[in-house]
Amino acid sequence: MLDIQDLTRTATVNHVVATNNLEGARTSAFVAKKMAEYRDGKISSAELLAATKARYSSK
């Protein structure tokens, strides 16, 4: 059964995807996979952000 955290994570991911679509931004396969892991409760939002920064931050 879904709890409030599951619903919140799902709504957050859906909002990000919809916003990106409206802006014409493309989500990479890597970020889409990480967002799905977050939505499914496998990683936290901090882990999602850290993984994205590690992958795409310029050095």
Protein backbone atom coordinates (compact mmCIF):
# COMPACT_ATOMS: atom_id res chain seq x y z
CA MET A 1 0.00 0.00 0.00
CA LEU A 2 1.27 3.47 -0.83
CA ASP A 3 1.90 5.82 2.04
CA ILE A 4 2.15 9.60 2.03
CA GLN A 5 5.91 9.52 1.36
CA ASP A 6 5.41 7.30 -1.68
CA LEU A 7 2.73 9.62 -3.00
CA THR A 8 4.87 12.69 -2.34
CA ARG A 9 7.89 11.22 -4.13
CA THR A 10 5.73 10.24 -7.10
CA ALA A 11 4.14 13.69 -7.27
CA THR A 12 7.55 15.35 -7.06
CA VAL A 13 8.99 13.28 -9.90
CA ASN A 14 5.88 13.87 -12.02
CA HIS A 15 6.16 17.62 -11.39
CA VAL A 16 9.83 17.68 -12.43
CA VAL A 17 9.10 15.72 -15.61
CA ALA A 18 6.15 17.96 -16.50
CA THR A 19 8.15 21.13 -15.85
CA ASN A 20 11.01 19.86 -17.99
CA ASN A 21 8.56 19.04 -20.78
CA LEU A 22 7.05 22.51 -20.63
CA GLU A 23 10.51 24.08 -20.77
CA GLY A 24 11.61 21.81 -23.60
CA ALA A 25 14.37 20.30 -21.46
CA ARG A 26 15.44 16.74 -22.11
CA THR A 27 16.07 14.43 -19.17
CA SER A 28 19.05 12.14 -19.64
CA ALA A 29 18.66 8.39 -19.24
CA PHE A 30 20.92 8.59 -16.17
CA VAL A 31 18.77 11.21 -14.43
CA ALA A 32 15.54 9.43 -15.43
CA LYS A 33 16.89 6.23 -13.85
CA LYS A 34 17.90 8.07 -10.67
CA MET A 35 14.51 9.81 -10.47
CA ALA A 36 12.81 6.41 -10.78
CA GLU A 37 14.99 5.08 -7.95
CA TYR A 38 13.97 8.10 -5.85
CA ARG A 39 10.29 7.65 -6.75
CA ASP A 40 10.51 3.98 -5.75
CA GLY A 41 12.09 4.86 -2.39
CA LYS A 42 15.43 3.22 -3.20
CA ILE A 43 17.43 6.45 -2.76
CA SER A 44 16.84 9.72 -0.95
CA SER A 45 16.51 13.12 -2.57
CA ALA A 46 20.00 13.94 -1.22
CA GLU A 47 21.38 10.84 -2.95
CA LEU A 48 19.60 11.78 -6.18
CA LEU A 49 21.09 15.26 -6.05
CA ALA A 50 24.58 13.98 -5.16
CA ALA A 51 24.56 11.44 -8.00
CA THR A 52 23.41 14.06 -10.49
CA LYS A 53 26.02 16.57 -9.32
CA ALA A 54 28.76 13.93 -9.41
CA ARG A 55 27.84 12.99 -12.95
CA TYR A 56 27.32 16.44 -14.46
CA SER A 57 29.22 18.99 -12.39
CA SER A 58 32.11 20.64 -14.17
CA LYS A 59 35.44 20.28 -12.46
